[in-house]
Amino acid sequence: GAPGDAPARNEIVASGSVDTVYYELIRSTLDACNGNLSKAAEQLGVARSTLYRRLRKFGIIE
């Protein structure tokens, strides 16, 4: 891309592990939803149970 363009998705993944990308996506979505897990799960397109599982995996919740 041209200088100043947003990085392409494959460039983002290449810069870190897939888990890092998932973690950042979940954190930013939770922030945008003011911590509302149901709303965040809906925005992410996953079931609440899936979001909870990922939150535990990344140590965001116990």
PDB file of N, CA and C in Angstrom:
ATOM      1  N   GLY A   1       0.806  -1.191   0.000  1.00  0.00           N
ATOM      2  CA  GLY A   1       0.000   0.000   0.000  1.00  0.00           C
ATOM      3  C   GLY A   1       0.842   1.244   0.000  1.00  0.00           C
ATOM      4  N   ALA A   2       0.209   2.340  -0.204  1.00  0.00           N
ATOM      5  CA  ALA A   2       0.880   3.634  -0.198  1.00  0.00           C
ATOM      6  C   ALA A   2       1.243   4.028   1.229  1.00  0.00           C
ATOM      7  N   PRO A   3       2.291   4.830   1.382  1.00  0.00           N
ATOM      8  CA  PRO A   3       2.636   5.297   2.735  1.00  0.00           C
ATOM      9  C   PRO A   3       1.431   5.981   3.376  1.00  0.00           C
ATOM     10  N   GLY A   4       1.204   5.684   4.630  1.00  0.00           N
ATOM     11  CA  GLY A   4       0.079   6.268   5.339  1.00  0.00           C
ATOM     12  C   GLY A   4      -1.196   5.452   5.265  1.00  0.00           C
ATOM     13  N   ASP A   5      -1.254   4.464   4.350  1.00  0.00           N
ATOM     14  CA  ASP A   5      -2.421   3.591   4.280  1.00  0.00           C
ATOM     15  C   ASP A   5      -2.441   2.677   5.496  1.00  0.00           C
ATOM     16  N   ALA A   6      -3.639   2.259   5.899  1.00  0.00           N
ATOM     17  CA  ALA A   6      -3.758   1.290   6.982  1.00  0.00           C
ATOM     18  C   ALA A   6      -3.154  -0.020   6.517  1.00  0.00           C
ATOM     19  N   PRO A   7      -2.499  -0.756   7.421  1.00  0.00           N
ATOM     20  CA  PRO A   7      -1.912  -2.034   7.009  1.00  0.00           C
ATOM     21  C   PRO A   7      -2.989  -3.028   6.618  1.00  0.00           C
ATOM     22  N   ALA A   8      -2.682  -3.852   5.659  1.00  0.00           N
ATOM     23  CA  ALA A   8      -3.611  -4.893   5.242  1.00  0.00           C
ATOM     24  C   ALA A   8      -3.714  -5.925   6.350  1.00  0.00           C
ATOM     25  N   ARG A   9      -4.830  -6.656   6.361  1.00  0.00           N
ATOM     26  CA  ARG A   9      -5.057  -7.647   7.402  1.00  0.00           C
ATOM     27  C   ARG A   9      -3.893  -8.632   7.504  1.00  0.00           C
ATOM     28  N   ASN A  10      -3.369  -9.109   6.373  1.00  0.00           N
ATOM     29  CA  ASN A  10      -2.277 -10.084   6.425  1.00  0.00           C
ATOM     30  C   ASN A  10      -1.016  -9.469   7.021  1.00  0.00           C
ATOM     31  N   GLU A  11      -0.814  -8.155   6.873  1.00  0.00           N
ATOM     32  CA  GLU A  11       0.334  -7.508   7.491  1.00  0.00           C
ATOM     33  C   GLU A  11       0.169  -7.441   9.003  1.00  0.00           C
ATOM     34  N   ILE A  12      -1.059  -7.254   9.475  1.00  0.00           N
ATOM     35  CA  ILE A  12      -1.317  -7.224  10.912  1.00  0.00           C
ATOM     36  C   ILE A  12      -1.030  -8.595  11.509  1.00  0.00           C
ATOM     37  N   VAL A  13      -1.537  -9.641  10.895  1.00  0.00           N
ATOM     38  CA  VAL A  13      -1.314 -10.991  11.407  1.00  0.00           C
ATOM     39  C   VAL A  13       0.169 -11.327  11.369  1.00  0.00           C
ATOM     40  N   ALA A  14       0.856 -10.911  10.318  1.00  0.00           N
ATOM     41  CA  ALA A  14       2.277 -11.209  10.182  1.00  0.00           C
ATOM     42  C   ALA A  14       3.095 -10.533  11.272  1.00  0.00           C
ATOM     43  N   SER A  15       2.591  -9.426  11.828  1.00  0.00           N
ATOM     44  CA  SER A  15       3.349  -8.703  12.835  1.00  0.00           C
ATOM     45  C   SER A  15       3.261  -9.345  14.219  1.00  0.00           C
ATOM     46  N   GLY A  16       2.373 -10.291  14.418  1.00  0.00           N
ATOM     47  CA  GLY A  16       2.237 -10.947  15.701  1.00  0.00           C
ATOM     48  C   GLY A  16       1.479 -12.243  15.535  1.00  0.00           C
ATOM     49  N   SER A  17       1.348 -12.966  16.629  1.00  0.00           N
ATOM     50  CA  SER A  17       0.629 -14.228  16.553  1.00  0.00           C
ATOM     51  C   SER A  17      -0.867 -13.977  16.393  1.00  0.00           C
ATOM     52  N   VAL A  18      -1.568 -15.003  15.957  1.00  0.00           N
ATOM     53  CA  VAL A  18      -3.022 -14.906  15.822  1.00  0.00           C
ATOM     54  C   VAL A  18      -3.633 -14.606  17.181  1.00  0.00           C
ATOM     55  N   ASP A  19      -3.109 -15.216  18.240  1.00  0.00           N
ATOM     56  CA  ASP A  19      -3.629 -14.950  19.582  1.00  0.00           C
ATOM     57  C   ASP A  19      -3.475 -13.476  19.954  1.00  0.00           C
ATOM     58  N   THR A  20      -2.378 -12.865  19.547  1.00  0.00           N
ATOM     59  CA  THR A  20      -2.180 -11.444  19.833  1.00  0.00           C
ATOM     60  C   THR A  20      -3.238 -10.615  19.139  1.00  0.00           C
ATOM     61  N   VAL A  21      -3.544 -10.959  17.905  1.00  0.00           N
ATOM     62  CA  VAL A  21      -4.565 -10.233  17.153  1.00  0.00           C
ATOM     63  C   VAL A  21      -5.923 -10.421  17.812  1.00  0.00           C
ATOM     64  N   TYR A  22      -6.259 -11.666  18.193  1.00  0.00           N
ATOM     65  CA  TYR A  22      -7.528 -11.923  18.884  1.00  0.00           C
ATOM     66  C   TYR A  22      -7.609 -11.131  20.187  1.00  0.00           C
ATOM     67  N   TYR A  23      -6.522 -11.145  20.952  1.00  0.00           N
ATOM     68  CA  TYR A  23      -6.507 -10.436  22.228  1.00  0.00           C
ATOM     69  C   TYR A  23      -6.797  -8.952  22.023  1.00  0.00           C
ATOM     70  N   GLU A  24      -6.097  -8.336  21.091  1.00  0.00           N
ATOM     71  CA  GLU A  24      -6.288  -6.903  20.831  1.00  0.00           C
ATOM     72  C   GLU A  24      -7.706  -6.612  20.349  1.00  0.00           C
ATOM     73  N   LEU A  25      -8.243  -7.477  19.491  1.00  0.00           N
ATOM     74  CA  LEU A  25      -9.607  -7.301  18.990  1.00  0.00           C
ATOM     75  C   LEU A  25     -10.620  -7.390  20.125  1.00  0.00           C
ATOM     76  N   ILE A  26     -10.454  -8.365  20.988  1.00  0.00           N
ATOM     77  CA  ILE A  26     -11.370  -8.533  22.118  1.00  0.00           C
ATOM     78  C   ILE A  26     -11.274  -7.338  23.058  1.00  0.00           C
ATOM     79  N   ARG A  27     -10.038  -6.922  23.392  1.00  0.00           N
ATOM     80  CA  ARG A  27      -9.873  -5.788  24.304  1.00  0.00           C
ATOM     81  C   ARG A  27     -10.501  -4.515  23.727  1.00  0.00           C
ATOM     82  N   SER A  28     -10.249  -4.241  22.458  1.00  0.00           N
ATOM     83  CA  SER A  28     -10.789  -3.010  21.872  1.00  0.00           C
ATOM     84  C   SER A  28     -12.311  -3.073  21.761  1.00  0.00           C
ATOM     85  N   THR A  29     -12.846  -4.258  21.489  1.00  0.00           N
ATOM     86  CA  THR A  29     -14.298  -4.409  21.405  1.00  0.00           C
ATOM     87  C   THR A  29     -14.924  -4.243  22.782  1.00  0.00           C
ATOM     88  N   LEU A  30     -14.317  -4.820  23.804  1.00  0.00           N
ATOM     89  CA  LEU A  30     -14.824  -4.648  25.170  1.00  0.00           C
ATOM     90  C   LEU A  30     -14.792  -3.176  25.570  1.00  0.00           C
ATOM     91  N   ASP A  31     -13.728  -2.483  25.228  1.00  0.00           N
ATOM     92  CA  ASP A  31     -13.643  -1.051  25.535  1.00  0.00           C
ATOM     93  C   ASP A  31     -14.755  -0.284  24.823  1.00  0.00           C
ATOM     94  N   ALA A  32     -14.967  -0.588  23.546  1.00  0.00           N
ATOM     95  CA  ALA A  32     -15.998   0.100  22.761  1.00  0.00           C
ATOM     96  C   ALA A  32     -17.394  -0.187  23.303  1.00  0.00           C
ATOM     97  N   CYS A  33     -17.563  -1.360  23.914  1.00  0.00           N
ATOM     98  CA  CYS A  33     -18.871  -1.756  24.470  1.00  0.00           C
ATOM     99  C   CYS A  33     -18.953  -1.456  25.968  1.00  0.00           C
ATOM    100  N   ASN A  34     -18.016  -0.670  26.477  1.00  0.00           N
ATOM    101  CA  ASN A  34     -17.983  -0.307  27.903  1.00  0.00           C
ATOM    102  C   ASN A  34     -18.047  -1.522  28.818  1.00  0.00           C
ATOM    103  N   GLY A  35     -17.373  -2.603  28.430  1.00  0.00           N
ATOM    104  CA  GLY A  35     -17.309  -3.791  29.262  1.00  0.00           C
ATOM    105  C   GLY A  35     -18.526  -4.695  29.184  1.00  0.00           C
ATOM    106  N   ASN A  36     -19.504  -4.360  28.367  1.00  0.00           N
ATOM    107  CA  ASN A  36     -20.718  -5.169  28.242  1.00  0.00           C
ATOM    108  C   ASN A  36     -20.387  -6.419  27.416  1.00  0.00           C
ATOM    109  N   LEU A  37     -20.303  -7.566  28.103  1.00  0.00           N
ATOM    110  CA  LEU A  37     -19.884  -8.803  27.446  1.00  0.00           C
ATOM    111  C   LEU A  37     -20.885  -9.285  26.409  1.00  0.00           C
ATOM    112  N   SER A  38     -22.172  -9.128  26.679  1.00  0.00           N
ATOM    113  CA  SER A  38     -23.179  -9.564  25.711  1.00  0.00           C
ATOM    114  C   SER A  38     -23.070  -8.747  24.426  1.00  0.00           C
ATOM    115  N   LYS A  39     -22.927  -7.438  24.577  1.00  0.00           N
ATOM    116  CA  LYS A  39     -22.808  -6.565  23.423  1.00  0.00           C
ATOM    117  C   LYS A  39     -21.495  -6.842  22.669  1.00  0.00           C
ATOM    118  N   ALA A  40     -20.419  -7.072  23.397  1.00  0.00           N
ATOM    119  CA  ALA A  40     -19.125  -7.362  22.770  1.00  0.00           C
ATOM    120  C   ALA A  40     -19.195  -8.663  21.973  1.00  0.00           C
ATOM    121  N   ALA A  41     -19.816  -9.689  22.545  1.00  0.00           N
ATOM    122  CA  ALA A  41     -19.954 -10.961  21.841  1.00  0.00           C
ATOM    123  C   ALA A  41     -20.746 -10.768  20.559  1.00  0.00           C
ATOM    124  N   GLU A  42     -21.810  -9.984  20.630  1.00  0.00           N
ATOM    125  CA  GLU A  42     -22.623  -9.711  19.446  1.00  0.00           C
ATOM    126  C   GLU A  42     -21.786  -8.987  18.381  1.00  0.00           C
ATOM    127  N   GLN A  43     -21.030  -7.980  18.805  1.00  0.00           N
ATOM    128  CA  GLN A  43     -20.185  -7.228  17.868  1.00  0.00           C
ATOM    129  C   GLN A  43     -19.124  -8.122  17.224  1.00  0.00           C
ATOM    130  N   LEU A  44     -18.598  -9.064  18.003  1.00  0.00           N
ATOM    131  CA  LEU A  44     -17.559  -9.968  17.500  1.00  0.00           C
ATOM    132  C   LEU A  44     -18.145 -11.111  16.671  1.00  0.00           C
ATOM    133  N   GLY A  45     -19.461 -11.292  16.770  1.00  0.00           N
ATOM    134  CA  GLY A  45     -20.107 -12.360  16.007  1.00  0.00           C
ATOM    135  C   GLY A  45     -19.868 -13.739  16.583  1.00  0.00           C
ATOM    136  N   VAL A  46     -19.714 -13.787  17.913  1.00  0.00           N
ATOM    137  CA  VAL A  46     -19.510 -15.074  18.589  1.00  0.00           C
ATOM    138  C   VAL A  46     -20.528 -15.216  19.709  1.00  0.00           C
ATOM    139  N   ALA A  47     -20.732 -16.442  20.144  1.00  0.00           N
ATOM    140  CA  ALA A  47     -21.607 -16.692  21.283  1.00  0.00           C
ATOM    141  C   ALA A  47     -20.942 -16.161  22.554  1.00  0.00           C
ATOM    142  N   ARG A  48     -21.758 -15.800  23.532  1.00  0.00           N
ATOM    143  CA  ARG A  48     -21.193 -15.331  24.809  1.00  0.00           C
ATOM    144  C   ARG A  48     -20.274 -16.374  25.420  1.00  0.00           C
ATOM    145  N   SER A  49     -20.655 -17.642  25.315  1.00  0.00           N
ATOM    146  CA  SER A  49     -19.818 -18.699  25.888  1.00  0.00           C
ATOM    147  C   SER A  49     -18.436 -18.733  25.225  1.00  0.00           C
ATOM    148  N   THR A  50     -18.395 -18.479  23.915  1.00  0.00           N
ATOM    149  CA  THR A  50     -17.115 -18.433  23.208  1.00  0.00           C
ATOM    150  C   THR A  50     -16.287 -17.252  23.699  1.00  0.00           C
ATOM    151  N   LEU A  51     -16.926 -16.102  23.870  1.00  0.00           N
ATOM    152  CA  LEU A  51     -16.210 -14.933  24.371  1.00  0.00           C
ATOM    153  C   LEU A  51     -15.666 -15.202  25.767  1.00  0.00           C
ATOM    154  N   TYR A  52     -16.475 -15.782  26.652  1.00  0.00           N
ATOM    155  CA  TYR A  52     -16.007 -16.106  28.002  1.00  0.00           C
ATOM    156  C   TYR A  52     -14.805 -17.037  27.952  1.00  0.00           C
ATOM    157  N   ARG A  53     -14.861 -18.038  27.096  1.00  0.00           N
ATOM    158  CA  ARG A  53     -13.750 -18.987  26.963  1.00  0.00           C
ATOM    159  C   ARG A  53     -12.468 -18.256  26.543  1.00  0.00           C
ATOM    160  N   ARG A  54     -12.590 -17.350  25.599  1.00  0.00           N
ATOM    161  CA  ARG A  54     -11.421 -16.590  25.131  1.00  0.00           C
ATOM    162  C   ARG A  54     -10.929 -15.615  26.191  1.00  0.00           C
ATOM    163  N   LEU A  55     -11.845 -15.014  26.941  1.00  0.00           N
ATOM    164  CA  LEU A  55     -11.448 -14.117  28.024  1.00  0.00           C
ATOM    165  C   LEU A  55     -10.645 -14.866  29.079  1.00  0.00           C
ATOM    166  N   ARG A  56     -11.069 -16.085  29.399  1.00  0.00           N
ATOM    167  CA  ARG A  56     -10.314 -16.908  30.349  1.00  0.00           C
ATOM    168  C   ARG A  56      -8.959 -17.303  29.753  1.00  0.00           C
ATOM    169  N   LYS A  57      -8.945 -17.676  28.482  1.00  0.00           N
ATOM    170  CA  LYS A  57      -7.705 -18.079  27.822  1.00  0.00           C
ATOM    171  C   LYS A  57      -6.656 -16.973  27.897  1.00  0.00           C
ATOM    172  N   PHE A  58      -7.095 -15.724  27.695  1.00  0.00           N
ATOM    173  CA  PHE A  58      -6.164 -14.599  27.674  1.00  0.00           C
ATOM    174  C   PHE A  58      -5.951 -13.966  29.044  1.00  0.00           C
ATOM    175  N   GLY A  59      -6.585 -14.537  30.080  1.00  0.00           N
ATOM    176  CA  GLY A  59      -6.399 -14.040  31.430  1.00  0.00           C
ATOM    177  C   GLY A  59      -7.083 -12.710  31.699  1.00  0.00           C
ATOM    178  N   ILE A  60      -8.072 -12.366  30.888  1.00  0.00           N
ATOM    179  CA  ILE A  60      -8.810 -11.124  31.089  1.00  0.00           C
ATOM    180  C   ILE A  60      -9.788 -11.296  32.246  1.00  0.00           C
ATOM    181  N   ILE A  61     -10.355 -12.504  32.358  1.00  0.00           N
ATOM    182  CA  ILE A  61     -11.194 -12.864  33.509  1.00  0.00           C
ATOM    183  C   ILE A  61     -10.708 -14.206  34.031  1.00  0.00           C
ATOM    184  N   GLU A  62     -11.125 -14.528  35.243  1.00  0.00           N
ATOM    185  CA  GLU A  62     -10.738 -15.836  35.817  1.00  0.00           C
ATOM    186  C   GLU A  62     -11.818 -16.855  35.595  1.00  0.00           C
TER     187      GLU A  62
END
